[in-house]
């Protein structure tokens, strides 16, 4: 049994002379493409929003670490290295922010040479 094709092999028609079935198929395909693009865009935007939230939370954690460093007892036998924690948190925050701020356009990639023999 042959399944019907979305694009039947018929003689080309003039642009204005399409059948209702062909218009419906074209509209269905356009709607499908638009919804796929919207889902991909929504996923990308959702990820960016979540990462921006993480960066904001890291900023708040950094403020708490600064406050904890100020209130740390100066005579403690074992000292917590707040400066190291602060540096690591900043590195995390910078990495997240770089990804959020990165352009969403394809980057130019240099072509491979391909010939590795002399």
N, C-alpha and C. Protein backbone atom coordinates (compact mmCIF):
# COMPACT_ATOMS: atom_id res chain seq x y z
N UNK A 1 0.85 -1.17 0.00
CA UNK A 1 0.00 0.00 0.00
C UNK A 1 0.89 1.23 0.00
N UNK A 2 0.61 2.15 -0.87
CA UNK A 2 1.39 3.37 -1.00
C UNK A 2 0.80 4.47 -0.12
N UNK A 3 1.67 5.14 0.63
CA UNK A 3 1.17 6.24 1.47
C UNK A 3 1.10 7.51 0.64
N UNK A 4 0.10 8.33 0.87
CA UNK A 4 -0.01 9.56 0.10
C UNK A 4 1.13 10.51 0.45
N UNK A 5 1.61 11.18 -0.55
CA UNK A 5 2.71 12.12 -0.37
C UNK A 5 2.16 13.51 -0.07
N UNK A 6 2.94 14.28 0.68
CA UNK A 6 2.56 15.67 0.93
C UNK A 6 2.70 16.50 -0.34
N UNK A 7 3.60 16.09 -1.21
CA UNK A 7 3.85 16.80 -2.46
C UNK A 7 3.64 15.85 -3.62
N UNK A 8 2.40 15.69 -4.08
CA UNK A 8 2.15 14.75 -5.18
C UNK A 8 2.88 15.21 -6.44
N UNK A 9 3.33 14.24 -7.20
CA UNK A 9 4.06 14.51 -8.44
C UNK A 9 3.05 14.86 -9.54
N UNK A 10 2.76 16.12 -9.65
CA UNK A 10 1.84 16.59 -10.68
C UNK A 10 2.54 17.64 -11.51
N UNK A 11 1.93 17.98 -12.59
CA UNK A 11 2.50 19.02 -13.45
C UNK A 11 2.51 20.35 -12.71
N UNK A 12 3.54 21.18 -12.92
CA UNK A 12 3.59 22.46 -12.24
C UNK A 12 2.41 23.33 -12.63
N UNK A 13 1.93 24.08 -11.68
CA UNK A 13 0.79 24.96 -11.91
C UNK A 13 1.22 26.40 -11.79
N UNK A 14 0.38 27.26 -12.27
CA UNK A 14 0.64 28.68 -12.08
C UNK A 14 0.50 29.02 -10.61
N UNK A 15 1.18 30.08 -10.16
CA UNK A 15 1.17 30.45 -8.75
C UNK A 15 -0.23 30.66 -8.19
N UNK A 16 -1.07 31.35 -8.90
CA UNK A 16 -2.39 31.68 -8.39
C UNK A 16 -3.36 30.52 -8.46
N UNK A 17 -3.07 29.48 -9.20
CA UNK A 17 -4.01 28.39 -9.42
C UNK A 17 -3.68 27.19 -8.55
N UNK A 18 -3.83 27.33 -7.24
CA UNK A 18 -3.59 26.20 -6.35
C UNK A 18 -4.92 25.65 -5.87
N UNK A 19 -4.92 24.38 -5.59
CA UNK A 19 -6.14 23.74 -5.10
C UNK A 19 -6.26 23.99 -3.60
N UNK A 20 -7.47 23.84 -3.07
CA UNK A 20 -7.63 24.01 -1.63
C UNK A 20 -6.76 23.03 -0.83
N UNK A 21 -6.61 21.83 -1.34
CA UNK A 21 -5.76 20.84 -0.65
C UNK A 21 -4.31 21.27 -0.61
N UNK A 22 -3.80 21.82 -1.72
CA UNK A 22 -2.41 22.27 -1.77
C UNK A 22 -2.21 23.46 -0.84
N UNK A 23 -3.19 24.35 -0.80
CA UNK A 23 -3.08 25.49 0.11
C UNK A 23 -3.08 25.02 1.57
N UNK A 24 -3.90 24.04 1.87
CA UNK A 24 -3.97 23.52 3.24
C UNK A 24 -2.66 22.85 3.62
N UNK A 25 -2.07 22.06 2.70
CA UNK A 25 -0.78 21.43 2.98
C UNK A 25 0.31 22.47 3.20
N UNK A 26 0.31 23.50 2.35
CA UNK A 26 1.31 24.56 2.48
C UNK A 26 1.14 25.29 3.81
N UNK A 27 -0.09 25.58 4.18
CA UNK A 27 -0.35 26.26 5.44
C UNK A 27 0.07 25.38 6.62
N UNK A 28 -0.19 24.08 6.52
CA UNK A 28 0.18 23.15 7.57
C UNK A 28 1.70 23.10 7.72
N UNK A 29 2.42 23.03 6.59
CA UNK A 29 3.88 23.01 6.64
C UNK A 29 4.46 24.29 7.22
N UNK A 30 3.90 25.42 6.83
CA UNK A 30 4.37 26.70 7.37
C UNK A 30 4.11 26.79 8.87
N UNK A 31 2.95 26.32 9.31
CA UNK A 31 2.64 26.32 10.73
C UNK A 31 3.58 25.39 11.50
N UNK A 32 3.89 24.25 10.92
CA UNK A 32 4.80 23.31 11.55
C UNK A 32 6.20 23.91 11.69
N UNK A 33 6.68 24.55 10.63
CA UNK A 33 7.99 25.20 10.68
C UNK A 33 8.01 26.34 11.70
N UNK A 34 6.97 27.13 11.73
CA UNK A 34 6.89 28.25 12.67
C UNK A 34 6.86 27.75 14.12
N UNK A 35 6.12 26.69 14.37
CA UNK A 35 6.05 26.17 15.75
C UNK A 35 7.38 25.55 16.16
N UNK A 36 8.08 24.89 15.23
CA UNK A 36 9.39 24.33 15.55
C UNK A 36 10.38 25.44 15.87
N UNK A 37 10.33 26.51 15.11
CA UNK A 37 11.22 27.64 15.37
C UNK A 37 10.89 28.29 16.71
N UNK A 38 9.62 28.39 17.03
CA UNK A 38 9.20 29.00 18.29
C UNK A 38 9.65 28.15 19.48
N UNK A 39 9.55 26.83 19.35
CA UNK A 39 9.98 25.94 20.44
C UNK A 39 11.48 26.07 20.64
N UNK A 40 12.26 26.08 19.56
CA UNK A 40 13.71 26.23 19.69
C UNK A 40 14.06 27.57 20.32
N UNK A 41 13.36 28.63 19.91
CA UNK A 41 13.60 29.95 20.47
C UNK A 41 13.21 29.98 21.95
N UNK A 42 12.09 29.35 22.29
CA UNK A 42 11.63 29.33 23.68
C UNK A 42 12.62 28.58 24.56
N UNK A 43 13.14 27.45 24.06
CA UNK A 43 14.12 26.70 24.84
C UNK A 43 15.37 27.53 25.08
N UNK A 44 15.84 28.24 24.05
CA UNK A 44 17.02 29.08 24.17
C UNK A 44 16.77 30.22 25.15
N UNK A 45 15.61 30.83 25.06
CA UNK A 45 15.27 31.93 25.98
C UNK A 45 15.12 31.42 27.41
N UNK A 46 14.53 30.24 27.58
CA UNK A 46 14.37 29.66 28.92
C UNK A 46 15.74 29.41 29.54
N UNK A 47 16.66 28.86 28.74
CA UNK A 47 18.00 28.61 29.25
C UNK A 47 18.68 29.92 29.65
N UNK A 48 18.56 30.92 28.80
CA UNK A 48 19.19 32.21 29.10
C UNK A 48 18.61 32.83 30.38
N UNK A 49 17.29 32.73 30.55
CA UNK A 49 16.66 33.26 31.75
C UNK A 49 17.14 32.53 33.00
N UNK A 50 17.25 31.21 32.91
CA UNK A 50 17.71 30.44 34.06
C UNK A 50 19.16 30.76 34.39
N UNK A 51 20.00 30.90 33.38
CA UNK A 51 21.40 31.23 33.62
C UNK A 51 21.54 32.65 34.20
N UNK A 52 20.73 33.57 33.72
CA UNK A 52 20.76 34.93 34.27
C UNK A 52 20.35 34.90 35.75
N UNK A 53 19.38 34.05 36.07
CA UNK A 53 18.96 33.90 37.47
C UNK A 53 20.09 33.31 38.32
N UNK A 54 20.81 32.34 37.76
CA UNK A 54 21.94 31.74 38.48
C UNK A 54 23.00 32.80 38.73
N UNK A 55 23.29 33.63 37.73
CA UNK A 55 24.29 34.70 37.90
C UNK A 55 23.85 35.67 39.00
N UNK A 56 22.57 35.99 39.05
CA UNK A 56 22.07 36.89 40.09
C UNK A 56 22.18 36.24 41.47
N UNK A 57 21.89 34.94 41.55
CA UNK A 57 22.01 34.23 42.83
C UNK A 57 23.47 34.19 43.27
N UNK A 58 24.38 33.97 42.34
CA UNK A 58 25.80 33.96 42.68
C UNK A 58 26.23 35.33 43.22
N UNK A 59 25.68 36.38 42.65
CA UNK A 59 25.99 37.73 43.14
C UNK A 59 25.53 37.90 44.59
N UNK A 60 24.36 37.37 44.89
CA UNK A 60 23.86 37.44 46.26
C UNK A 60 24.72 36.61 47.21
N UNK A 61 25.16 35.44 46.74
CA UNK A 61 26.04 34.61 47.56
C UNK A 61 27.35 35.34 47.82
N UNK A 62 27.86 36.03 46.81
CA UNK A 62 29.09 36.80 46.98
C UNK A 62 28.91 37.88 48.05
N UNK A 63 27.77 38.51 48.07
CA UNK A 63 27.51 39.53 49.10
C UNK A 63 27.47 38.89 50.49
N UNK A 64 26.88 37.69 50.60
CA UNK A 64 26.85 36.99 51.88
C UNK A 64 28.26 36.59 52.32
N UNK A 65 29.09 36.17 51.36
CA UNK A 65 30.47 35.79 51.69
C UNK A 65 31.24 37.02 52.19
N UNK A 66 31.03 38.16 51.54
CA UNK A 66 31.69 39.40 51.99
C UNK A 66 31.28 39.74 53.41
N UNK A 67 30.00 39.61 53.71
CA UNK A 67 29.51 39.90 55.06
C UNK A 67 30.08 38.90 56.06
N UNK A 68 30.14 37.63 55.68
CA UNK A 68 30.71 36.61 56.58
C UNK A 68 32.18 36.87 56.83
N UNK A 69 32.90 37.33 55.82
CA UNK A 69 34.33 37.64 55.98
C UNK A 69 34.52 38.79 56.96
N UNK A 70 33.62 39.78 56.91
CA UNK A 70 33.71 40.92 57.84
C UNK A 70 33.45 40.50 59.28
N UNK A 71 32.55 39.54 59.45
CA UNK A 71 32.19 39.14 60.81
C UNK A 71 33.00 37.95 61.32
N UNK A 72 33.97 37.48 60.54
CA UNK A 72 34.79 36.34 60.98
C UNK A 72 35.69 36.78 62.13
N UNK A 73 35.84 35.94 63.14
CA UNK A 73 36.70 36.30 64.27
C UNK A 73 38.17 36.36 63.83
N UNK A 74 38.84 37.46 64.11
CA UNK A 74 40.23 37.59 63.66
C UNK A 74 41.20 36.69 64.42
N UNK A 75 40.80 36.19 65.57
CA UNK A 75 41.71 35.36 66.37
C UNK A 75 41.44 33.87 66.22
N UNK A 76 40.67 33.48 65.24
CA UNK A 76 40.35 32.06 65.05
C UNK A 76 41.62 31.27 64.73
N UNK A 77 41.70 30.07 65.31
CA UNK A 77 42.87 29.23 65.10
C UNK A 77 42.93 28.75 63.66
N UNK A 78 41.81 28.36 63.11
CA UNK A 78 41.74 27.94 61.70
C UNK A 78 40.91 28.98 60.97
N UNK A 79 41.51 29.57 59.95
CA UNK A 79 40.84 30.64 59.22
C UNK A 79 40.26 30.10 57.92
N UNK A 80 39.06 30.53 57.66
CA UNK A 80 38.40 30.20 56.39
C UNK A 80 38.90 31.17 55.33
N UNK A 81 39.24 30.67 54.16
CA UNK A 81 39.77 31.51 53.10
C UNK A 81 38.62 32.09 52.27
N UNK A 82 38.04 33.15 52.78
CA UNK A 82 36.94 33.82 52.08
C UNK A 82 37.40 34.39 50.74
N UNK A 83 38.64 34.82 50.66
CA UNK A 83 39.14 35.38 49.40
C UNK A 83 39.18 34.31 48.31
N UNK A 84 39.52 33.08 48.67
CA UNK A 84 39.52 32.00 47.67
C UNK A 84 38.10 31.68 47.22
N UNK A 85 37.19 31.62 48.19
CA UNK A 85 35.79 31.36 47.85
C UNK A 85 35.24 32.47 46.97
N UNK A 86 35.56 33.71 47.30
CA UNK A 86 35.10 34.86 46.53
C UNK A 86 35.61 34.78 45.09
N UNK A 87 36.88 34.40 44.93
CA UNK A 87 37.48 34.28 43.59
C UNK A 87 36.79 33.18 42.79
N UNK A 88 36.52 32.02 43.43
CA UNK A 88 35.85 30.92 42.73
C UNK A 88 34.42 31.30 42.33
N UNK A 89 33.71 31.97 43.24
CA UNK A 89 32.35 32.40 42.92
C UNK A 89 32.35 33.39 41.76
N UNK A 90 33.33 34.30 41.74
CA UNK A 90 33.42 35.26 40.65
C UNK A 90 33.72 34.56 39.33
N UNK A 91 34.58 33.53 39.37
CA UNK A 91 34.89 32.78 38.16
C UNK A 91 33.64 32.07 37.62
N UNK A 92 32.85 31.48 38.52
CA UNK A 92 31.60 30.84 38.11
C UNK A 92 30.65 31.87 37.49
N UNK A 93 30.50 32.98 38.17
CA UNK A 93 29.58 34.02 37.70
C UNK A 93 30.02 34.57 36.34
N UNK A 94 31.33 34.79 36.17
CA UNK A 94 31.83 35.29 34.88
C UNK A 94 31.57 34.29 33.76
N UNK A 95 31.77 33.00 34.04
CA UNK A 95 31.53 31.97 33.03
C UNK A 95 30.07 31.91 32.61
N UNK A 96 29.18 31.98 33.57
CA UNK A 96 27.74 31.98 33.26
C UNK A 96 27.39 33.22 32.46
N UNK A 97 27.88 34.37 32.90
CA UNK A 97 27.56 35.62 32.22
C UNK A 97 28.11 35.66 30.80
N UNK A 98 29.30 35.10 30.59
CA UNK A 98 29.85 35.04 29.23
C UNK A 98 28.96 34.24 28.31
N UNK A 99 28.42 33.12 28.83
CA UNK A 99 27.55 32.30 28.01
C UNK A 99 26.24 33.04 27.70
N UNK A 100 25.69 33.72 28.69
CA UNK A 100 24.44 34.45 28.49
C UNK A 100 24.64 35.59 27.49
N UNK A 101 25.78 36.27 27.58
CA UNK A 101 26.04 37.43 26.72
C UNK A 101 26.59 37.07 25.35
N UNK A 102 26.95 35.81 25.15
CA UNK A 102 27.56 35.40 23.87
C UNK A 102 26.56 35.60 22.73
N UNK A 103 27.05 36.05 21.58
CA UNK A 103 26.14 36.23 20.45
C UNK A 103 25.58 34.87 20.00
N UNK A 104 24.36 34.89 19.60
CA UNK A 104 23.68 33.66 19.18
C UNK A 104 23.75 33.45 17.67
N UNK A 105 24.76 34.00 17.06
CA UNK A 105 24.93 33.84 15.62
C UNK A 105 26.08 32.87 15.38
N UNK A 106 26.05 32.19 14.26
CA UNK A 106 27.15 31.26 13.97
C UNK A 106 28.48 32.01 13.87
N UNK A 107 29.50 31.38 14.39
CA UNK A 107 30.84 31.96 14.33
C UNK A 107 31.55 31.46 13.08
N UNK A 108 32.46 32.26 12.58
CA UNK A 108 33.27 31.85 11.45
C UNK A 108 34.30 30.83 11.93
N UNK A 109 34.37 29.74 11.23
CA UNK A 109 35.32 28.69 11.56
C UNK A 109 36.29 28.58 10.39
N UNK A 110 37.59 28.67 10.65
CA UNK A 110 38.53 28.57 9.54
C UNK A 110 38.47 27.19 8.90
N UNK A 111 38.60 27.11 7.59
CA UNK A 111 38.52 25.80 6.93
C UNK A 111 39.72 24.93 7.28
N UNK A 112 39.49 23.62 7.29
CA UNK A 112 40.58 22.70 7.53
C UNK A 112 41.42 22.58 6.27
N UNK A 113 42.68 22.36 6.46
CA UNK A 113 43.57 22.22 5.30
C UNK A 113 43.28 20.93 4.58
N UNK A 114 43.21 19.83 5.31
CA UNK A 114 42.82 18.56 4.73
C UNK A 114 43.96 17.74 4.15
N UNK A 115 45.03 18.35 3.67
CA UNK A 115 46.13 17.61 3.09
C UNK A 115 47.29 17.66 4.08
N UNK A 116 47.59 16.51 4.70
CA UNK A 116 48.59 16.49 5.76
C UNK A 116 49.88 15.82 5.31
N UNK A 117 50.01 15.55 4.04
CA UNK A 117 51.21 14.90 3.53
C UNK A 117 52.08 15.92 2.82
N UNK A 118 53.37 15.70 2.84
CA UNK A 118 54.31 16.59 2.12
C UNK A 118 54.32 16.29 0.65
